[in-house]
Each structure stands twice: as structure tokens, then as C-alpha cells.
C-alpha atoms as a PDB file:
ATOM      1  CA  MET A   1      81.433  51.548   4.422  1.00  0.00           C
ATOM      2  CA  THR A   2      79.994  48.688   2.498  1.00  0.00           C
ATOM      3  CA  GLU A   3      81.743  47.276  -0.698  1.00  0.00           C
ATOM      4  CA  LYS A   4      78.971  46.591  -3.269  1.00  0.00           C
ATOM      5  CA  THR A   5      79.115  44.946  -6.575  1.00  0.00           C
ATOM      6  CA  THR A   6      79.379  46.538  -9.995  1.00  0.00           C
ATOM      7  CA  ASP A   7      76.907  46.506 -12.350  1.00  0.00           C
ATOM      8  CA  ASN A   8      78.216  42.815 -13.869  1.00  0.00           C
ATOM      9  CA  TRP A   9      77.866  41.305 -10.412  1.00  0.00           C
ATOM     10  CA  PHE A  10      79.603  38.150 -11.540  1.00  0.00           C
ATOM     11  CA  ALA A  11      82.503  39.568 -12.579  1.00  0.00           C
ATOM     12  CA  SER A  12      83.064  41.373  -9.169  1.00  0.00           C
ATOM     13  CA  TRP A  13      81.371  39.003  -6.992  1.00  0.00           C
ATOM     14  CA  PHE A  14      83.010  35.848  -8.335  1.00  0.00           C
ATOM     15  CA  ASP A  15      86.453  37.291  -8.275  1.00  0.00           C
ATOM     16  CA  THR A  16      86.068  37.709  -4.155  1.00  0.00           C
ATOM     17  CA  LYS A  17      87.376  35.116  -1.782  1.00  0.00           C
ATOM     18  CA  TYR A  18      84.227  35.635  -0.130  1.00  0.00           C
ATOM     19  CA  TYR A  19      81.993  34.208  -2.973  1.00  0.00           C
ATOM     20  CA  HIS A  20      84.322  30.642  -2.194  1.00  0.00           C
ATOM     21  CA  LEU A  21      83.851  30.544   1.258  1.00  0.00           C
ATOM     22  CA  LEU A  22      80.248  30.633   1.081  1.00  0.00           C
ATOM     23  CA  TYR A  23      79.963  28.073  -1.634  1.00  0.00           C
ATOM     24  CA  LYS A  24      82.804  25.716  -0.361  1.00  0.00           C
ATOM     25  CA  ASP A  25      80.599  23.071   0.489  1.00  0.00           C
ATOM     26  CA  ARG A  26      79.780  22.220  -2.690  1.00  0.00           C
ATOM     27  CA  ASN A  27      79.489  18.259  -3.544  1.00  0.00           C
ATOM     28  CA  ASP A  28      82.287  17.158  -5.447  1.00  0.00           C
ATOM     29  CA  SER A  29      80.886  13.819  -5.300  1.00  0.00           C
ATOM     30  CA  GLU A  30      77.983  14.575  -7.097  1.00  0.00           C
ATOM     31  CA  ALA A  31      79.596  16.720  -9.622  1.00  0.00           C
ATOM     32  CA  GLU A  32      81.926  13.554 -10.304  1.00  0.00           C
ATOM     33  CA  MET A  33      79.089  11.353 -10.633  1.00  0.00           C
ATOM     34  CA  PHE A  34      77.473  13.698 -13.105  1.00  0.00           C
ATOM     35  CA  MET A  35      80.296  14.178 -14.982  1.00  0.00           C
ATOM     36  CA  THR A  36      80.453  10.091 -15.040  1.00  0.00           C
ATOM     37  CA  HIS A  37      77.373   9.663 -16.431  1.00  0.00           C
ATOM     38  CA  LEU A  38      77.324  12.363 -18.815  1.00  0.00           C
ATOM     39  CA  THR A  39      81.118  11.425 -20.364  1.00  0.00           C
ATOM     40  CA  ASN A  40      79.603   7.835 -20.714  1.00  0.00           C
ATOM     41  CA  PHE A  41      76.105   8.708 -22.220  1.00  0.00           C
ATOM     42  CA  LEU A  42      77.752  11.073 -24.972  1.00  0.00           C
ATOM     43  CA  ASN A  43      80.150   8.187 -25.463  1.00  0.00           C
ATOM     44  CA  LEU A  44      83.060  10.823 -25.817  1.00  0.00           C
ATOM     45  CA  PRO A  45      86.429   9.874 -27.652  1.00  0.00           C
ATOM     46  CA  GLU A  46      89.548   8.227 -25.728  1.00  0.00           C
ATOM     47  CA  GLN A  47      91.702  11.142 -24.858  1.00  0.00           C
ATOM     48  CA  GLY A  48      88.730  13.617 -26.662  1.00  0.00           C
ATOM     49  CA  SER A  49      88.802  16.984 -25.953  1.00  0.00           C
ATOM     50  CA  VAL A  50      86.221  19.215 -23.637  1.00  0.00           C
ATOM     51  CA  LEU A  51      85.675  22.809 -23.013  1.00  0.00           C
ATOM     52  CA  ASP A  52      84.311  23.526 -19.503  1.00  0.00           C
ATOM     53  CA  LEU A  53      82.764  26.922 -19.925  1.00  0.00           C
ATOM     54  CA  ALA A  54      82.319  29.156 -17.080  1.00  0.00           C
ATOM     55  CA  CYS A  55      84.540  26.697 -15.168  1.00  0.00           C
ATOM     56  CA  GLY A  56      85.186  28.671 -11.894  1.00  0.00           C
ATOM     57  CA  LYS A  57      88.255  27.118 -10.120  1.00  0.00           C
ATOM     58  CA  GLY A  58      88.107  23.980 -12.084  1.00  0.00           C
ATOM     59  CA  ARG A  59      86.641  21.429 -10.429  1.00  0.00           C
ATOM     60  CA  HIS A  60      84.768  19.643 -13.420  1.00  0.00           C
ATOM     61  CA  ALA A  61      87.342  20.159 -15.509  1.00  0.00           C
ATOM     62  CA  LYS A  62      90.072  18.877 -13.227  1.00  0.00           C
ATOM     63  CA  TYR A  63      87.751  15.897 -12.609  1.00  0.00           C
ATOM     64  CA  LEU A  64      87.076  15.174 -16.509  1.00  0.00           C
ATOM     65  CA  ASN A  65      90.805  15.347 -16.733  1.00  0.00           C
ATOM     66  CA  SER A  66      91.230  12.656 -14.527  1.00  0.00           C
ATOM     67  CA  LEU A  67      89.044  10.475 -16.438  1.00  0.00           C
ATOM     68  CA  GLY A  68      91.565  11.029 -19.580  1.00  0.00           C
ATOM     69  CA  TYR A  69      90.446  13.690 -21.466  1.00  0.00           C
ATOM     70  CA  ASN A  70      91.965  16.837 -22.613  1.00  0.00           C
ATOM     71  CA  VAL A  71      90.359  19.517 -20.977  1.00  0.00           C
ATOM     72  CA  THR A  72      90.295  23.662 -21.437  1.00  0.00           C
ATOM     73  CA  GLY A  73      88.653  25.549 -18.664  1.00  0.00           C
ATOM     74  CA  VAL A  74      87.812  28.848 -19.183  1.00  0.00           C
ATOM     75  CA  ASP A  75      86.182  31.792 -17.081  1.00  0.00           C
ATOM     76  CA  LEU A  76      85.808  35.280 -16.925  1.00  0.00           C
ATOM     77  CA  SER A  77      86.839  35.894 -13.084  1.00  0.00           C
ATOM     78  CA  LYS A  78      91.030  35.988 -13.470  1.00  0.00           C
ATOM     79  CA  ASN A  79      91.231  34.967  -9.632  1.00  0.00           C
ATOM     80  CA  SER A  80      89.289  31.690 -10.529  1.00  0.00           C
ATOM     81  CA  ILE A  81      91.830  31.046 -13.625  1.00  0.00           C
ATOM     82  CA  ASN A  82      94.684  31.855 -11.323  1.00  0.00           C
ATOM     83  CA  THR A  83      93.939  29.590  -8.861  1.00  0.00           C
ATOM     84  CA  ALA A  84      93.057  26.721 -10.980  1.00  0.00           C
ATOM     85  CA  LYS A  85      96.232  27.350 -13.195  1.00  0.00           C
ATOM     86  CA  ALA A  86      98.163  25.485 -10.177  1.00  0.00           C
ATOM     87  CA  TYR A  87      96.823  22.421 -11.552  1.00  0.00           C
ATOM     88  CA  GLU A  88      97.527  22.778 -15.059  1.00  0.00           C
ATOM     89  CA  ASN A  89      99.362  19.830 -17.057  1.00  0.00           C
ATOM     90  CA  ASP A  90      99.574  18.548 -20.361  1.00  0.00           C
ATOM     91  CA  THR A  91      96.112  17.811 -20.942  1.00  0.00           C
ATOM     92  CA  LEU A  92      94.472  20.739 -18.624  1.00  0.00           C
ATOM     93  CA  GLN A  93      94.962  24.295 -19.665  1.00  0.00           C
ATOM     94  CA  PHE A  94      92.869  26.944 -17.894  1.00  0.00           C
ATOM     95  CA  HIS A  95      92.330  30.286 -19.527  1.00  0.00           C
ATOM     96  CA  VAL A  96      90.094  33.565 -19.081  1.00  0.00           C
ATOM     97  CA  HIS A  97      87.585  33.936 -21.730  1.00  0.00           C
ATOM     98  CA  ASP A  98      84.157  35.810 -22.539  1.00  0.00           C
ATOM     99  CA  MET A  99      81.501  32.627 -22.991  1.00  0.00           C
ATOM    100  CA  ARG A 100      79.700  34.984 -25.601  1.00  0.00           C
ATOM    101  CA  VAL A 101      83.018  34.705 -27.886  1.00  0.00           C
ATOM    102  CA  PRO A 102      83.545  31.629 -29.581  1.00  0.00           C
ATOM    103  CA  TYR A 103      86.788  29.869 -28.618  1.00  0.00           C
ATOM    104  CA  ALA A 104      89.432  29.504 -30.943  1.00  0.00           C
ATOM    105  CA  GLN A 105      89.919  25.432 -30.867  1.00  0.00           C
ATOM    106  CA  LYS A 106      86.669  23.421 -31.278  1.00  0.00           C
ATOM    107  CA  PHE A 107      85.975  20.465 -29.094  1.00  0.00           C
ATOM    108  CA  ASP A 108      84.172  17.081 -29.182  1.00  0.00           C
ATOM    109  CA  ALA A 109      82.284  18.578 -26.142  1.00  0.00           C
ATOM    110  CA  VAL A 110      81.211  21.876 -24.601  1.00  0.00           C
ATOM    111  CA  PHE A 111      80.111  21.870 -20.791  1.00  0.00           C
ATOM    112  CA  ASN A 112      78.664  24.772 -19.530  1.00  0.00           C
ATOM    113  CA  LEU A 113      77.702  23.707 -15.915  1.00  0.00           C
ATOM    114  CA  PHE A 114      76.183  24.444 -12.272  1.00  0.00           C
ATOM    115  CA  THR A 115      73.860  27.117 -13.772  1.00  0.00           C
ATOM    116  CA  SER A 116      76.843  29.686 -15.027  1.00  0.00           C
ATOM    117  CA  PHE A 117      74.007  30.986 -17.644  1.00  0.00           C
ATOM    118  CA  GLY A 118      71.401  33.870 -17.734  1.00  0.00           C
ATOM    119  CA  TYR A 119      73.751  36.284 -16.265  1.00  0.00           C
ATOM    120  CA  PHE A 120      73.154  38.936 -18.382  1.00  0.00           C
ATOM    121  CA  ASP A 121      70.727  41.717 -18.722  1.00  0.00           C
ATOM    122  CA  ASP A 122      70.184  41.209 -22.626  1.00  0.00           C
ATOM    123  CA  GLU A 123      68.362  38.119 -23.944  1.00  0.00           C
ATOM    124  CA  ASN A 124      70.615  38.585 -26.706  1.00  0.00           C
ATOM    125  CA  ASP A 125      73.704  37.585 -24.988  1.00  0.00           C
ATOM    126  CA  ASN A 126      72.056  34.200 -23.713  1.00  0.00           C
ATOM    127  CA  ILE A 127      71.951  33.686 -27.744  1.00  0.00           C
ATOM    128  CA  LYS A 128      75.141  34.439 -28.700  1.00  0.00           C
ATOM    129  CA  ALA A 129      76.901  32.429 -25.677  1.00  0.00           C
ATOM    130  CA  LEU A 130      74.739  29.591 -27.042  1.00  0.00           C
ATOM    131  CA  GLN A 131      76.052  30.364 -30.483  1.00  0.00           C
ATOM    132  CA  ALA A 132      79.319  30.677 -29.483  1.00  0.00           C
ATOM    133  CA  ILE A 133      79.261  26.787 -27.963  1.00  0.00           C
ATOM    134  CA  GLN A 134      78.073  25.693 -31.239  1.00  0.00           C
ATOM    135  CA  LYS A 135      80.507  27.729 -33.226  1.00  0.00           C
ATOM    136  CA  SER A 136      83.216  26.098 -30.670  1.00  0.00           C
ATOM    137  CA  LEU A 137      82.275  22.141 -31.321  1.00  0.00           C
ATOM    138  CA  ASN A 138      83.672  19.877 -33.907  1.00  0.00           C
ATOM    139  CA  ASP A 139      81.611  17.933 -36.328  1.00  0.00           C
ATOM    140  CA  THR A 140      80.753  15.477 -34.010  1.00  0.00           C
ATOM    141  CA  GLY A 141      80.707  17.586 -30.790  1.00  0.00           C
ATOM    142  CA  PHE A 142      78.084  18.121 -28.177  1.00  0.00           C
ATOM    143  CA  GLY A 143      76.994  20.549 -26.005  1.00  0.00           C
ATOM    144  CA  VAL A 144      75.573  20.277 -22.624  1.00  0.00           C
ATOM    145  CA  LEU A 145      73.925  22.985 -20.557  1.00  0.00           C
ATOM    146  CA  ASP A 146      73.522  22.177 -17.043  1.00  0.00           C
ATOM    147  CA  PHE A 147      70.934  24.908 -15.330  1.00  0.00           C
ATOM    148  CA  MET A 148      68.375  24.909 -12.925  1.00  0.00           C
ATOM    149  CA  ASN A 149      64.486  24.116 -13.294  1.00  0.00           C
ATOM    150  CA  VAL A 150      62.978  27.616 -12.535  1.00  0.00           C
ATOM    151  CA  ASP A 151      59.796  26.466 -11.809  1.00  0.00           C
ATOM    152  CA  TYR A 152      61.128  24.285  -8.926  1.00  0.00           C
ATOM    153  CA  ILE A 153      63.454  26.678  -7.933  1.00  0.00           C
ATOM    154  CA  ILE A 154      61.071  29.470  -7.616  1.00  0.00           C
ATOM    155  CA  GLU A 155      58.196  27.103  -6.116  1.00  0.00           C
ATOM    156  CA  HIS A 156      60.880  25.865  -3.463  1.00  0.00           C
ATOM    157  CA  LEU A 157      62.637  29.587  -2.461  1.00  0.00           C
ATOM    158  CA  VAL A 158      63.640  30.233   0.906  1.00  0.00           C
ATOM    159  CA  PRO A 159      63.312  33.699   1.092  1.00  0.00           C
ATOM    160  CA  GLU A 160      65.592  34.459   4.053  1.00  0.00           C
ATOM    161  CA  GLU A 161      68.617  32.387   5.855  1.00  0.00           C
ATOM    162  CA  THR A 162      71.569  32.901   7.928  1.00  0.00           C
ATOM    163  CA  LYS A 163      74.722  30.643   6.648  1.00  0.00           C
ATOM    164  CA  THR A 164      77.658  30.273   9.326  1.00  0.00           C
ATOM    165  CA  VAL A 165      81.025  29.700   7.665  1.00  0.00           C
ATOM    166  CA  GLU A 166      83.792  29.817   9.422  1.00  0.00           C
ATOM    167  CA  HIS A 167      83.349  32.846  11.346  1.00  0.00           C
ATOM    168  CA  ILE A 168      81.103  34.855   9.079  1.00  0.00           C
ATOM    169  CA  ASP A 169      77.274  34.970   9.014  1.00  0.00           C
ATOM    170  CA  PHE A 170      76.334  35.117   5.778  1.00  0.00           C
ATOM    171  CA  HIS A 171      72.997  37.050   5.915  1.00  0.00           C
ATOM    172  CA  ILE A 172      71.042  35.647   2.637  1.00  0.00           C
ATOM    173  CA  LYS A 173      67.771  37.138   0.766  1.00  0.00           C
ATOM    174  CA  ARG A 174      66.027  35.628  -2.520  1.00  0.00           C
ATOM    175  CA  PHE A 175      63.483  36.575  -4.435  1.00  0.00           C
ATOM    176  CA  VAL A 176      61.953  36.947  -8.034  1.00  0.00           C
ATOM    177  CA  LYS A 177      61.518  40.130  -9.640  1.00  0.00           C
ATOM    178  CA  ASP A 178      61.368  41.325 -13.607  1.00  0.00           C
ATOM    179  CA  GLY A 179      62.011  37.457 -15.019  1.00  0.00           C
ATOM    180  CA  PHE A 180      65.345  37.202 -12.445  1.00  0.00           C
ATOM    181  CA  ILE A 181      65.866  35.641  -9.281  1.00  0.00           C
ATOM    182  CA  TYR A 182      67.895  37.341  -6.864  1.00  0.00           C
ATOM    183  CA  LYS A 183      70.330  36.342  -3.845  1.00  0.00           C
ATOM    184  CA  GLU A 184      71.304  38.981  -1.700  1.00  0.00           C
ATOM    185  CA  ILE A 185      74.195  38.293   0.414  1.00  0.00           C
ATOM    186  CA  ARG A 186      75.235  40.556   3.127  1.00  0.00           C
ATOM    187  CA  PHE A 187      77.781  39.941   5.693  1.00  0.00           C
ATOM    188  CA  THR A 188      80.597  41.622   7.992  1.00  0.00           C
ATOM    189  CA  ASP A 189      84.309  40.915   8.054  1.00  0.00           C
ATOM    190  CA  ALA A 190      87.009  42.378  10.167  1.00  0.00           C
ATOM    191  CA  GLY A 191      84.714  45.313  10.584  1.00  0.00           C
ATOM    192  CA  LYS A 192      83.827  45.941   7.138  1.00  0.00           C
ATOM    193  CA  SER A 193      80.658  45.431   5.934  1.00  0.00           C
ATOM    194  CA  HIS A 194      79.926  43.610   2.210  1.00  0.00           C
ATOM    195  CA  PHE A 195      76.806  43.625   0.241  1.00  0.00           C
ATOM    196  CA  TYR A 196      76.972  41.118  -2.952  1.00  0.00           C
ATOM    197  CA  THR A 197      73.899  40.439  -5.264  1.00  0.00           C
ATOM    198  CA  GLU A 198      73.263  37.650  -7.342  1.00  0.00           C
ATOM    199  CA  LYS A 199      71.121  37.798 -10.585  1.00  0.00           C
ATOM    200  CA  VAL A 200      70.233  35.260 -12.861  1.00  0.00           C
ATOM    201  CA  GLN A 201      67.651  35.042 -15.555  1.00  0.00           C
ATOM    202  CA  ALA A 202      64.552  32.753 -14.561  1.00  0.00           C
ATOM    203  CA  ILE A 203      64.928  31.212 -17.929  1.00  0.00           C
ATOM    204  CA  THR A 204      62.409  27.927 -18.002  1.00  0.00           C
ATOM    205  CA  LEU A 205      62.511  25.254 -20.865  1.00  0.00           C
ATOM    206  CA  ASN A 206      60.224  27.236 -23.485  1.00  0.00           C
ATOM    207  CA  ASP A 207      62.746  30.594 -23.161  1.00  0.00           C
ATOM    208  CA  PHE A 208      65.606  27.993 -24.201  1.00  0.00           C
ATOM    209  CA  GLU A 209      63.537  26.350 -26.888  1.00  0.00           C
ATOM    210  CA  ARG A 210      63.215  30.008 -28.297  1.00  0.00           C
ATOM    211  CA  TYR A 211      66.679  30.608 -27.700  1.00  0.00           C
ATOM    212  CA  PHE A 212      68.117  27.241 -30.059  1.00  0.00           C
ATOM    213  CA  GLU A 213      65.399  28.074 -32.378  1.00  0.00           C
ATOM    214  CA  GLN A 214      66.738  31.643 -32.779  1.00  0.00           C
ATOM    215  CA  ALA A 215      70.436  30.537 -32.733  1.00  0.00           C
ATOM    216  CA  GLY A 216      69.643  27.588 -35.628  1.00  0.00           C
ATOM    217  CA  ILE A 217      70.867  24.754 -32.691  1.00  0.00           C
ATOM    218  CA  ASN A 218      69.092  21.447 -32.151  1.00  0.00           C
ATOM    219  CA  LEU A 219      68.106  20.178 -28.901  1.00  0.00           C
ATOM    220  CA  LEU A 220      68.644  16.412 -29.005  1.00  0.00           C
ATOM    221  CA  ALA A 221      67.838  15.450 -25.211  1.00  0.00           C
ATOM    222  CA  ILE A 222      66.437  17.084 -21.647  1.00  0.00           C
ATOM    223  CA  PHE A 223      67.243  15.426 -18.227  1.00  0.00           C
ATOM    224  CA  GLY A 224      66.193  15.966 -14.777  1.00  0.00           C
ATOM    225  CA  ASP A 225      69.313  15.711 -12.358  1.00  0.00           C
ATOM    226  CA  TYR A 226      72.712  14.548 -12.543  1.00  0.00           C
ATOM    227  CA  LYS A 227      72.245  10.772 -13.063  1.00  0.00           C
ATOM    228  CA  LEU A 228      70.400  11.741 -16.549  1.00  0.00           C
ATOM    229  CA  HIS A 229      66.747  11.042 -15.455  1.00  0.00           C
ATOM    230  CA  THR A 230      63.932  11.953 -17.070  1.00  0.00           C
ATOM    231  CA  PHE A 231      62.831  16.195 -16.988  1.00  0.00           C
ATOM    232  CA  TYR A 232      59.477  16.459 -14.972  1.00  0.00           C
ATOM    233  CA  PRO A 233      58.740  20.407 -14.980  1.00  0.00           C
ATOM    234  CA  ASN A 234      57.434  20.414 -11.448  1.00  0.00           C
ATOM    235  CA  THR A 235      59.554  18.005  -9.501  1.00  0.00           C
ATOM    236  CA  SER A 236      63.230  18.213 -11.346  1.00  0.00           C
ATOM    237  CA  LYS A 237      65.673  20.199  -9.380  1.00  0.00           C
ATOM    238  CA  ARG A 238      67.861  20.587 -12.801  1.00  0.00           C
ATOM    239  CA  LEU A 239      67.195  21.198 -16.148  1.00  0.00           C
ATOM    240  CA  ILE A 240      70.122  19.870 -18.403  1.00  0.00           C
ATOM    241  CA  LEU A 241      70.182  20.185 -22.290  1.00  0.00           C
ATOM    242  CA  LEU A 242      72.112  18.588 -24.838  1.00  0.00           C
ATOM    243  CA  PHE A 243      72.446  20.211 -28.008  1.00  0.00           C
ATOM    244  CA  LYS A 244      74.746  20.527 -31.135  1.00  0.00           C
END
């Protein structure tokens, strides 16, 4: 029997232990460097409030909290939030929350990091999510969205690979179809076959500019990497948008 994702792939795949196993080698030092550069650039107030939107298990949120900020991490994955809650303290909290809904509190900054956007089939949900970010900002707050540079990613897409993590061989296939970048993941563990699909909208800078205009959001700056260098459409790996 093969276990498959539901229509909302992110609701099932992110809640599995295999998702976190496959991506366990994410570069924490790179993530911490990005948070340091970003908070310094924004000149956030001491002990300022930050919402980490789609926080996963909270790796960015925990580091932001270590820098002295009051951090709230939210994610749709109950399992991820349950794991993150082990790190809670008076200035670090985690909750299950849908990014399309404005948060009850307002923040000095709302961060949506590591391509945690574009999961929905309907573009209107993207606009709802951006509007929710804007509504969750205080009068001087900033929104930051860290997305992949779609043009670069598609040009350098690796169609197939096998990644072995611990005892599991993850067979990965990547392709572009109907405006989405797909990653199909197949593997067997304990005699059981699994099949999961990641599906992210291929949202370009032009698309984001259109979303922002429709949502009434002001785009303030565009960066191309985690050191906040200039964005170049053909060579930058990231698309980092600063707005309010």
C-alpha cells in the first residue's frame, strides 16, 4: 500500500516525520545570518515584536528570540507547532494558524521565510495571505517575504535525484506544469511505500508586483540573497521582498 498526500499537500506532508527527515540538513548558520542581516537592516526596536509566519518547527523564530525579540511563530502544521512549543518562554510563543487570516496581534515585523508561500491553487489565496500580513503590521511595521527566484530555479532544475537520509532512499522528481513547480517524493520505510508531492506556484517578481497592486501593498525593496544584495533576475537564487 502506498500512502499519498491529500489535495492540500502541505497539510499532510509537513505533518510527517519524513518531511523533517528529508530536510534535516538545512543550513541553520545561513538562516541565522539572514535573520541578523534582516533585523539590522530593518532597525527593529529593542524587544520588538516579530511574527514568523509559516514557522515550521521554529528554527528562525528561536534565533530571532535569542536576539532579544518577542516572537510569535505560527504554522498550519499541528505536529510542527507541537514540536516548537517545547522551546516556548515568556517572549517566544507558537500557535497553529492559517496564513490567509490576519493575526489578532499587530507586530513590528512579519516574516514569511524559506519559500513558505504559493502553496494554494487559487491566486486569490495569495492575495489574501499578503493582505493578512499587512493587517498584522503595526503603523511602523514591515513585511518580508522570502521566496525562490523562479526564473533561476526553473533554469537550474534537477529533474531527478536520489537522496539517502539515514536508512531511507528518497527518490525525487522535479518538473514544471501548469504554472507550478512540482517535486514528487517516493520512498519505502518499514516495508511501506510512500508518495508525496510538493507543489509551489511559479510566482515571478512581476506576479508579486501584480499581487501587491491588487492588495494595496507598497513594495519598498527587493533583494536577491540572504546578505541582502541586489536582485538580478537571471542569477539571484532568492527573491526577497520588503513591503508595508
